[in-house]
Amino acid sequence: MKNKTMTIVLIVSVMAVWGIVFYRIFQASGEESSFITAAGAKKSTYESLDEYRMKDTLVLALNYRNPFSGRQMQVAIPPAVPEATDQPVTSMSNYATPEPEVNWSVIKYTGYIVNPEFKRIVALMTIQGKEFMLTEGQQAGGVKILKNNRDSVKVSYLGKTKFLKVQ
Protein backbone atom coordinates (compact mmCIF):
# COMPACT_ATOMS: atom_id res chain seq x y z
CA MET A 1 0.00 0.00 0.00
CA LYS A 2 2.82 2.31 0.87
CA ASN A 3 4.63 1.70 -2.44
CA LYS A 4 1.44 2.24 -4.47
CA THR A 5 0.77 5.68 -2.99
CA MET A 6 4.40 6.71 -3.44
CA THR A 7 4.25 5.65 -7.10
CA ILE A 8 1.09 7.68 -7.68
CA VAL A 9 2.65 10.75 -6.03
CA LEU A 10 5.80 10.44 -8.18
CA ILE A 11 3.78 10.02 -11.41
CA VAL A 12 1.69 13.11 -10.61
CA SER A 13 4.80 15.19 -9.82
CA VAL A 14 6.55 14.10 -13.04
CA MET A 15 3.44 14.99 -15.05
CA ALA A 16 3.31 18.40 -13.34
CA VAL A 17 6.97 19.14 -14.16
CA TRP A 18 6.57 18.14 -17.82
CA GLY A 19 3.33 20.11 -18.00
CA ILE A 20 5.13 23.25 -16.81
CA VAL A 21 7.93 22.68 -19.34
CA PHE A 22 5.53 22.28 -22.27
CA TYR A 23 3.42 25.23 -21.11
CA ARG A 24 6.46 27.53 -21.09
CA ILE A 25 7.60 26.32 -24.54
CA PHE A 26 4.17 26.89 -26.12
CA GLN A 27 3.72 30.20 -24.31
CA ALA A 28 7.08 31.50 -25.58
CA SER A 29 6.52 30.35 -29.16
CA GLY A 30 2.98 31.69 -29.38
CA GLU A 31 3.67 35.31 -28.47
CA GLU A 32 5.59 37.81 -30.50
CA SER A 33 8.27 39.25 -28.31
CA SER A 34 8.23 42.98 -27.94
CA PHE A 35 11.29 44.54 -26.42
CA ILE A 36 11.16 47.94 -24.85
CA THR A 37 14.09 50.12 -25.89
CA ALA A 38 15.55 52.57 -23.45
CA ALA A 39 14.74 56.24 -23.95
CA GLY A 40 17.37 57.92 -26.05
CA ALA A 41 18.79 54.64 -27.29
CA LYS A 42 19.88 54.92 -30.89
CA LYS A 43 19.18 52.08 -33.27
CA SER A 44 22.45 51.02 -34.81
CA THR A 45 22.73 50.90 -38.56
CA TYR A 46 25.00 48.54 -40.36
CA GLU A 47 26.50 49.44 -43.69
CA SER A 48 26.81 46.79 -46.31
CA LEU A 49 30.34 45.88 -47.31
CA ASP A 50 29.25 44.74 -50.76
CA GLU A 51 30.14 48.10 -52.31
CA TYR A 52 33.57 48.25 -50.66
CA ARG A 53 36.49 47.99 -53.06
CA MET A 54 40.17 48.25 -52.26
CA LYS A 55 42.36 50.32 -54.55
CA ASP A 56 44.46 48.18 -56.83
CA THR A 57 48.05 49.26 -56.29
CA LEU A 58 49.67 46.19 -57.80
CA VAL A 59 51.45 46.56 -61.13
CA LEU A 60 52.23 43.35 -62.98
CA ALA A 61 55.63 42.94 -64.63
CA LEU A 62 54.64 41.42 -67.98
CA ASN A 63 58.01 41.72 -69.68
CA TYR A 64 58.73 38.02 -69.80
CA ARG A 65 59.36 35.84 -72.84
CA ASN A 66 56.43 34.11 -74.52
CA PRO A 67 57.02 30.40 -73.84
CA PHE A 68 55.40 29.29 -77.16
CA SER A 69 56.86 31.67 -79.72
CA GLY A 70 60.09 32.63 -77.95
CA ARG A 71 59.54 36.35 -78.59
CA GLN A 72 59.60 39.08 -75.97
CA MET A 73 56.14 40.33 -75.00
CA GLN A 74 55.23 43.90 -75.94
CA VAL A 75 53.63 45.51 -72.93
CA ALA A 76 52.00 48.88 -72.72
CA ILE A 77 53.25 50.84 -69.73
CA PRO A 78 50.38 51.35 -67.28
CA PRO A 79 49.78 54.84 -65.99
CA ALA A 80 51.44 55.68 -62.71
CA VAL A 81 49.27 55.19 -59.67
CA PRO A 82 48.76 58.52 -57.93
CA GLU A 83 49.61 58.51 -54.26
CA ALA A 84 46.89 59.25 -51.79
CA THR A 85 47.33 62.74 -50.41
CA ASP A 86 45.04 62.35 -47.43
CA GLN A 87 47.30 59.83 -45.68
CA PRO A 88 50.70 60.84 -44.33
CA VAL A 89 53.69 58.94 -45.63
CA THR A 90 55.58 57.17 -42.88
CA SER A 91 59.00 55.73 -43.23
CA MET A 92 60.30 52.62 -41.55
CA SER A 93 62.92 54.68 -39.71
CA ASN A 94 60.17 55.99 -37.40
CA TYR A 95 59.52 52.53 -36.02
CA ALA A 96 61.67 51.05 -33.30
CA THR A 97 63.27 47.73 -34.06
CA PRO A 98 61.89 44.98 -31.83
CA GLU A 99 64.20 43.83 -29.10
CA PRO A 100 65.26 40.19 -29.30
CA GLU A 101 63.43 37.79 -27.02
CA VAL A 102 65.33 36.52 -23.98
CA ASN A 103 65.51 32.73 -23.77
CA TRP A 104 64.79 32.09 -20.10
CA SER A 105 64.72 28.32 -20.55
CA VAL A 106 68.52 28.12 -20.34
CA ILE A 107 68.43 29.38 -16.74
CA LYS A 108 67.04 27.14 -13.99
CA TYR A 109 66.89 27.65 -10.24
CA THR A 110 67.39 24.17 -8.83
CA GLY A 111 67.46 24.95 -5.12
CA TYR A 112 69.37 26.60 -2.29
CA ILE A 113 71.64 25.83 0.63
CA VAL A 114 72.38 27.92 3.69
CA ASN A 115 76.01 28.73 4.38
CA PRO A 116 76.37 27.99 8.15
CA GLU A 117 79.43 30.18 8.54
CA PHE A 118 77.97 33.42 7.15
CA LYS A 119 74.24 32.56 7.45
CA ARG A 120 73.67 33.44 3.78
CA ILE A 121 71.46 31.68 1.26
CA VAL A 122 73.43 30.24 -1.67
CA ALA A 123 71.38 29.60 -4.82
CA LEU A 124 72.05 26.52 -6.93
CA MET A 125 71.65 27.64 -10.56
CA THR A 126 71.90 25.72 -13.81
CA ILE A 127 72.89 28.08 -16.61
CA GLN A 128 73.21 26.63 -20.10
CA GLY A 129 73.77 23.15 -18.68
CA LYS A 130 76.46 24.21 -16.17
CA GLU A 131 75.83 24.34 -12.42
CA PHE A 132 76.78 27.36 -10.33
CA MET A 133 76.51 28.30 -6.64
CA LEU A 134 75.71 32.01 -6.37
CA THR A 135 74.79 34.46 -3.62
CA GLU A 136 73.11 37.85 -4.03
CA GLY A 137 75.15 40.16 -6.24
CA GLN A 138 77.25 37.40 -7.82
CA GLN A 139 77.26 36.80 -11.56
CA ALA A 140 77.94 33.76 -13.73
CA GLY A 141 77.28 33.12 -17.41
CA GLY A 142 75.76 36.57 -17.88
CA VAL A 143 73.21 35.93 -15.11
CA LYS A 144 73.30 38.12 -12.00
CA ILE A 145 71.33 37.27 -8.86
CA LEU A 146 69.55 40.39 -7.61
CA LYS A 147 67.36 38.95 -4.83
CA ASN A 148 67.50 35.49 -3.29
CA ASN A 149 64.37 34.18 -1.61
CA ARG A 150 64.09 30.57 -0.55
CA ASP A 151 61.40 29.67 -3.08
CA SER A 152 62.54 31.95 -5.93
CA VAL A 153 65.34 34.20 -7.13
CA LYS A 154 65.25 37.48 -9.00
CA VAL A 155 67.81 37.36 -11.79
CA SER A 156 69.06 39.81 -14.41
CA TYR A 157 69.95 38.42 -17.83
CA LEU A 158 70.65 40.42 -21.00
CA GLY A 159 69.22 43.58 -19.41
CA LYS A 160 65.92 41.91 -18.40
CA THR A 161 64.86 40.83 -14.92
CA LYS A 162 62.67 37.93 -13.93
CA PHE A 163 61.75 35.83 -10.90
CA LEU A 164 62.56 32.13 -11.27
CA LYS A 165 60.95 29.51 -9.05
CA VAL A 166 62.54 26.30 -7.80
CA GLN A 167 62.34 23.52 -10.38
C-alpha atoms as a PDB file:
ATOM      1  CA  MET A   1       0.000   0.000   0.000  1.00  0.00           C
ATOM      2  CA  LYS A   2       2.822   2.309   0.865  1.00  0.00           C
ATOM      3  CA  ASN A   3       4.628   1.703  -2.445  1.00  0.00           C
ATOM      4  CA  LYS A   4       1.441   2.243  -4.466  1.00  0.00           C
ATOM      5  CA  THR A   5       0.774   5.682  -2.987  1.00  0.00           C
ATOM      6  CA  MET A   6       4.397   6.713  -3.441  1.00  0.00           C
ATOM      7  CA  THR A   7       4.254   5.646  -7.098  1.00  0.00           C
ATOM      8  CA  ILE A   8       1.089   7.681  -7.683  1.00  0.00           C
ATOM      9  CA  VAL A   9       2.646  10.755  -6.029  1.00  0.00           C
ATOM     10  CA  LEU A  10       5.797  10.444  -8.176  1.00  0.00           C
ATOM     11  CA  ILE A  11       3.782  10.019 -11.408  1.00  0.00           C
ATOM     12  CA  VAL A  12       1.688  13.108 -10.613  1.00  0.00           C
ATOM     13  CA  SER A  13       4.799  15.186  -9.824  1.00  0.00           C
ATOM     14  CA  VAL A  14       6.552  14.099 -13.043  1.00  0.00           C
ATOM     15  CA  MET A  15       3.440  14.990 -15.052  1.00  0.00           C
ATOM     16  CA  ALA A  16       3.314  18.396 -13.337  1.00  0.00           C
ATOM     17  CA  VAL A  17       6.973  19.140 -14.157  1.00  0.00           C
ATOM     18  CA  TRP A  18       6.571  18.144 -17.821  1.00  0.00           C
ATOM     19  CA  GLY A  19       3.335  20.107 -18.000  1.00  0.00           C
ATOM     20  CA  ILE A  20       5.132  23.245 -16.813  1.00  0.00           C
ATOM     21  CA  VAL A  21       7.933  22.678 -19.336  1.00  0.00           C
ATOM     22  CA  PHE A  22       5.530  22.279 -22.273  1.00  0.00           C
ATOM     23  CA  TYR A  23       3.416  25.233 -21.106  1.00  0.00           C
ATOM     24  CA  ARG A  24       6.461  27.533 -21.094  1.00  0.00           C
ATOM     25  CA  ILE A  25       7.596  26.315 -24.536  1.00  0.00           C
ATOM     26  CA  PHE A  26       4.169  26.893 -26.116  1.00  0.00           C
ATOM     27  CA  GLN A  27       3.724  30.195 -24.312  1.00  0.00           C
ATOM     28  CA  ALA A  28       7.079  31.503 -25.581  1.00  0.00           C
ATOM     29  CA  SER A  29       6.519  30.347 -29.163  1.00  0.00           C
ATOM     30  CA  GLY A  30       2.977  31.688 -29.379  1.00  0.00           C
ATOM     31  CA  GLU A  31       3.670  35.313 -28.473  1.00  0.00           C
ATOM     32  CA  GLU A  32       5.586  37.814 -30.504  1.00  0.00           C
ATOM     33  CA  SER A  33       8.269  39.248 -28.312  1.00  0.00           C
ATOM     34  CA  SER A  34       8.233  42.984 -27.938  1.00  0.00           C
ATOM     35  CA  PHE A  35      11.286  44.539 -26.416  1.00  0.00           C
ATOM     36  CA  ILE A  36      11.156  47.941 -24.850  1.00  0.00           C
ATOM     37  CA  THR A  37      14.088  50.123 -25.891  1.00  0.00           C
ATOM     38  CA  ALA A  38      15.546  52.571 -23.454  1.00  0.00           C
ATOM     39  CA  ALA A  39      14.741  56.241 -23.947  1.00  0.00           C
ATOM     40  CA  GLY A  40      17.373  57.917 -26.053  1.00  0.00           C
ATOM     41  CA  ALA A  41      18.795  54.644 -27.294  1.00  0.00           C
ATOM     42  CA  LYS A  42      19.882  54.924 -30.886  1.00  0.00           C
ATOM     43  CA  LYS A  43      19.178  52.080 -33.265  1.00  0.00           C
ATOM     44  CA  SER A  44      22.453  51.019 -34.811  1.00  0.00           C
ATOM     45  CA  THR A  45      22.726  50.902 -38.564  1.00  0.00           C
ATOM     46  CA  TYR A  46      24.996  48.541 -40.355  1.00  0.00           C
ATOM     47  CA  GLU A  47      26.498  49.441 -43.688  1.00  0.00           C
ATOM     48  CA  SER A  48      26.807  46.794 -46.314  1.00  0.00           C
ATOM     49  CA  LEU A  49      30.340  45.881 -47.308  1.00  0.00           C
ATOM     50  CA  ASP A  50      29.246  44.735 -50.762  1.00  0.00           C
ATOM     51  CA  GLU A  51      30.144  48.096 -52.307  1.00  0.00           C
ATOM     52  CA  TYR A  52      33.569  48.252 -50.659  1.00  0.00           C
ATOM     53  CA  ARG A  53      36.488  47.992 -53.062  1.00  0.00           C
ATOM     54  CA  MET A  54      40.171  48.254 -52.265  1.00  0.00           C
ATOM     55  CA  LYS A  55      42.361  50.317 -54.547  1.00  0.00           C
ATOM     56  CA  ASP A  56      44.456  48.183 -56.830  1.00  0.00           C
ATOM     57  CA  THR A  57      48.052  49.260 -56.290  1.00  0.00           C
ATOM     58  CA  LEU A  58      49.667  46.188 -57.798  1.00  0.00           C
ATOM     59  CA  VAL A  59      51.448  46.559 -61.129  1.00  0.00           C
ATOM     60  CA  LEU A  60      52.234  43.353 -62.978  1.00  0.00           C
ATOM     61  CA  ALA A  61      55.626  42.937 -64.625  1.00  0.00           C
ATOM     62  CA  LEU A  62      54.637  41.417 -67.976  1.00  0.00           C
ATOM     63  CA  ASN A  63      58.015  41.723 -69.677  1.00  0.00           C
ATOM     64  CA  TYR A  64      58.729  38.015 -69.795  1.00  0.00           C
ATOM     65  CA  ARG A  65      59.364  35.843 -72.838  1.00  0.00           C
ATOM     66  CA  ASN A  66      56.431  34.113 -74.517  1.00  0.00           C
ATOM     67  CA  PRO A  67      57.015  30.402 -73.837  1.00  0.00           C
ATOM     68  CA  PHE A  68      55.400  29.290 -77.156  1.00  0.00           C
ATOM     69  CA  SER A  69      56.859  31.672 -79.715  1.00  0.00           C
ATOM     70  CA  GLY A  70      60.086  32.626 -77.950  1.00  0.00           C
ATOM     71  CA  ARG A  71      59.543  36.353 -78.590  1.00  0.00           C
ATOM     72  CA  GLN A  72      59.598  39.078 -75.970  1.00  0.00           C
ATOM     73  CA  MET A  73      56.138  40.327 -74.997  1.00  0.00           C
ATOM     74  CA  GLN A  74      55.233  43.905 -75.940  1.00  0.00           C
ATOM     75  CA  VAL A  75      53.631  45.510 -72.930  1.00  0.00           C
ATOM     76  CA  ALA A  76      52.002  48.877 -72.722  1.00  0.00           C
ATOM     77  CA  ILE A  77      53.246  50.839 -69.725  1.00  0.00           C
ATOM     78  CA  PRO A  78      50.381  51.349 -67.283  1.00  0.00           C
ATOM     79  CA  PRO A  79      49.775  54.838 -65.989  1.00  0.00           C
ATOM     80  CA  ALA A  80      51.436  55.685 -62.712  1.00  0.00           C
ATOM     81  CA  VAL A  81      49.266  55.186 -59.667  1.00  0.00           C
ATOM     82  CA  PRO A  82      48.762  58.519 -57.927  1.00  0.00           C
ATOM     83  CA  GLU A  83      49.612  58.507 -54.260  1.00  0.00           C
ATOM     84  CA  ALA A  84      46.887  59.250 -51.788  1.00  0.00           C
ATOM     85  CA  THR A  85      47.325  62.744 -50.412  1.00  0.00           C
ATOM     86  CA  ASP A  86      45.040  62.351 -47.426  1.00  0.00           C
ATOM     87  CA  GLN A  87      47.297  59.832 -45.679  1.00  0.00           C
ATOM     88  CA  PRO A  88      50.700  60.842 -44.328  1.00  0.00           C
ATOM     89  CA  VAL A  89      53.688  58.945 -45.628  1.00  0.00           C
ATOM     90  CA  THR A  90      55.583  57.174 -42.881  1.00  0.00           C
ATOM     91  CA  SER A  91      59.001  55.729 -43.234  1.00  0.00           C
ATOM     92  CA  MET A  92      60.299  52.621 -41.551  1.00  0.00           C
ATOM     93  CA  SER A  93      62.918  54.681 -39.714  1.00  0.00           C
ATOM     94  CA  ASN A  94      60.173  55.988 -37.402  1.00  0.00           C
ATOM     95  CA  TYR A  95      59.521  52.529 -36.018  1.00  0.00           C
ATOM     96  CA  ALA A  96      61.667  51.048 -33.301  1.00  0.00           C
ATOM     97  CA  THR A  97      63.267  47.729 -34.061  1.00  0.00           C
ATOM     98  CA  PRO A  98      61.893  44.982 -31.832  1.00  0.00           C
ATOM     99  CA  GLU A  99      64.200  43.831 -29.100  1.00  0.00           C
ATOM    100  CA  PRO A 100      65.263  40.186 -29.297  1.00  0.00           C
ATOM    101  CA  GLU A 101      63.433  37.794 -27.021  1.00  0.00           C
ATOM    102  CA  VAL A 102      65.325  36.524 -23.981  1.00  0.00           C
ATOM    103  CA  ASN A 103      65.505  32.730 -23.774  1.00  0.00           C
ATOM    104  CA  TRP A 104      64.794  32.094 -20.102  1.00  0.00           C
ATOM    105  CA  SER A 105      64.715  28.324 -20.551  1.00  0.00           C
ATOM    106  CA  VAL A 106      68.524  28.124 -20.343  1.00  0.00           C
ATOM    107  CA  ILE A 107      68.426  29.384 -16.740  1.00  0.00           C
ATOM    108  CA  LYS A 108      67.039  27.140 -13.990  1.00  0.00           C
ATOM    109  CA  TYR A 109      66.891  27.651 -10.240  1.00  0.00           C
ATOM    110  CA  THR A 110      67.388  24.172  -8.827  1.00  0.00           C
ATOM    111  CA  GLY A 111      67.456  24.949  -5.115  1.00  0.00           C
ATOM    112  CA  TYR A 112      69.370  26.596  -2.292  1.00  0.00           C
ATOM    113  CA  ILE A 113      71.641  25.828   0.634  1.00  0.00           C
ATOM    114  CA  VAL A 114      72.380  27.918   3.693  1.00  0.00           C
ATOM    115  CA  ASN A 115      76.009  28.728   4.379  1.00  0.00           C
ATOM    116  CA  PRO A 116      76.375  27.990   8.145  1.00  0.00           C
ATOM    117  CA  GLU A 117      79.430  30.177   8.542  1.00  0.00           C
ATOM    118  CA  PHE A 118      77.969  33.420   7.153  1.00  0.00           C
ATOM    119  CA  LYS A 119      74.236  32.562   7.447  1.00  0.00           C
ATOM    120  CA  ARG A 120      73.669  33.443   3.775  1.00  0.00           C
ATOM    121  CA  ILE A 121      71.458  31.682   1.256  1.00  0.00           C
ATOM    122  CA  VAL A 122      73.426  30.243  -1.667  1.00  0.00           C
ATOM    123  CA  ALA A 123      71.382  29.598  -4.821  1.00  0.00           C
ATOM    124  CA  LEU A 124      72.051  26.517  -6.926  1.00  0.00           C
ATOM    125  CA  MET A 125      71.647  27.637 -10.557  1.00  0.00           C
ATOM    126  CA  THR A 126      71.904  25.720 -13.814  1.00  0.00           C
ATOM    127  CA  ILE A 127      72.890  28.084 -16.610  1.00  0.00           C
ATOM    128  CA  GLN A 128      73.207  26.627 -20.105  1.00  0.00           C
ATOM    129  CA  GLY A 129      73.773  23.148 -18.682  1.00  0.00           C
ATOM    130  CA  LYS A 130      76.461  24.205 -16.166  1.00  0.00           C
ATOM    131  CA  GLU A 131      75.833  24.340 -12.424  1.00  0.00           C
ATOM    132  CA  PHE A 132      76.776  27.359 -10.325  1.00  0.00           C
ATOM    133  CA  MET A 133      76.509  28.302  -6.640  1.00  0.00           C
ATOM    134  CA  LEU A 134      75.708  32.010  -6.374  1.00  0.00           C
ATOM    135  CA  THR A 135      74.787  34.461  -3.622  1.00  0.00           C
ATOM    136  CA  GLU A 136      73.112  37.855  -4.030  1.00  0.00           C
ATOM    137  CA  GLY A 137      75.155  40.158  -6.239  1.00  0.00           C
ATOM    138  CA  GLN A 138      77.253  37.402  -7.822  1.00  0.00           C
ATOM    139  CA  GLN A 139      77.257  36.804 -11.557  1.00  0.00           C
ATOM    140  CA  ALA A 140      77.941  33.757 -13.734  1.00  0.00           C
ATOM    141  CA  GLY A 141      77.280  33.116 -17.411  1.00  0.00           C
ATOM    142  CA  GLY A 142      75.757  36.571 -17.876  1.00  0.00           C
ATOM    143  CA  VAL A 143      73.206  35.930 -15.111  1.00  0.00           C
ATOM    144  CA  LYS A 144      73.296  38.116 -11.998  1.00  0.00           C
ATOM    145  CA  ILE A 145      71.332  37.271  -8.864  1.00  0.00           C
ATOM    146  CA  LEU A 146      69.547  40.389  -7.609  1.00  0.00           C
ATOM    147  CA  LYS A 147      67.363  38.952  -4.827  1.00  0.00           C
ATOM    148  CA  ASN A 148      67.495  35.494  -3.288  1.00  0.00           C
ATOM    149  CA  ASN A 149      64.369  34.179  -1.611  1.00  0.00           C
ATOM    150  CA  ARG A 150      64.093  30.573  -0.549  1.00  0.00           C
ATOM    151  CA  ASP A 151      61.403  29.672  -3.081  1.00  0.00           C
ATOM    152  CA  SER A 152      62.537  31.951  -5.931  1.00  0.00           C
ATOM    153  CA  VAL A 153      65.337  34.198  -7.126  1.00  0.00           C
ATOM    154  CA  LYS A 154      65.253  37.482  -9.004  1.00  0.00           C
ATOM    155  CA  VAL A 155      67.814  37.358 -11.791  1.00  0.00           C
ATOM    156  CA  SER A 156      69.058  39.806 -14.408  1.00  0.00           C
ATOM    157  CA  TYR A 157      69.951  38.418 -17.825  1.00  0.00           C
ATOM    158  CA  LEU A 158      70.646  40.424 -21.003  1.00  0.00           C
ATOM    159  CA  GLY A 159      69.216  43.577 -19.411  1.00  0.00           C
ATOM    160  CA  LYS A 160      65.924  41.915 -18.396  1.00  0.00           C
ATOM    161  CA  THR A 161      64.863  40.832 -14.917  1.00  0.00           C
ATOM    162  CA  LYS A 162      62.666  37.932 -13.929  1.00  0.00           C
ATOM    163  CA  PHE A 163      61.745  35.833 -10.903  1.00  0.00           C
ATOM    164  CA  LEU A 164      62.557  32.131 -11.273  1.00  0.00           C
ATOM    165  CA  LYS A 165      60.950  29.509  -9.049  1.00  0.00           C
ATOM    166  CA  VAL A 166      62.543  26.299  -7.800  1.00  0.00           C
ATOM    167  CA  GLN A 167      62.341  23.520 -10.381  1.00  0.00           C
END
